[in-house]
Amino acid sequence: MSGLYSYTPTGDVTGARRLTFYQSTLFSPPMLDYLLPYSSVLDVGVGNGRHYKLWLEHFDTVWGIDKSVKNHFADLPVTHIVSDFETYEFNRTFDVVAFICSFYLFRNKKKIFSKALSLADHLIVIVDDVKWEDRKCGSSCYNLDDILSEFGLGRKRYIERKIGTRFSFIQVKKEL
C-alpha cells in the first residue's frame, strides 16, 4: 500500500492536499464541529505523520498507524506505529478513528471498516477523493453508503469541489 503523493523536505506533500488544505477544510467549521467534543484520535494510514500537528491542536491523545512510512515528526507527543492496521492488536479504543486519503488503499474495505468500528467510541471520519466512488476506478473504488448500510449506519457528507475531496462523518453508536 502506498499513497499518491511525494513528501517535501518539510514533510508536507507536493500535491493539492497540502496541510493548508486540511486546515481550511477538515479543521475548520462546520467540519471541526464534529471533532471538537472528543479528545483521542487514531489516524489510519497516517503516512509520515504530517497531520499530527493539526490533530494536536484539537486532541489530547493522538495515535497514527502506517505500515510503510516512518514518523517524520518524531519530536511531537504522539504514538506512531509502523505496522499494518488490519493485523495490529490495539489495547485501547479512540473517540475518533480517521482515514485521511487512505481508506481506498485497503482491499477488504468492509473488514477494515468493521475494525475501525470496533476501535471508534464516537466517530469515524473518512476523507477521500470523490473518484473512489466511481465504479470505473478499478479495485480501489468503493461505495461507502453500501458499506455503511451493512452496519446500519449513515453519514454526514461534505464535498469540496475544487479538487474533488469528500469528507464523511459517521457517528458510531456503542452499546453500553
Foldseek 3Di string as FASTA:
>chain_A
DDADFDADPVGFTPDPPTVVVCCVPCVDPPNVVLVQVFAEEEEEQCAQVRCVVVNVVRHPAYEYEDQPHHHPCVVDPYHYYNRHLLPDDDPAAGQEYEYAQHLLVDQPNLSSVVSNLVRHPWKYKYKHAQCLCPPPPPRSHDDVQVSQVVVVWDWDWDFDPPRRMIITIITHDDDD
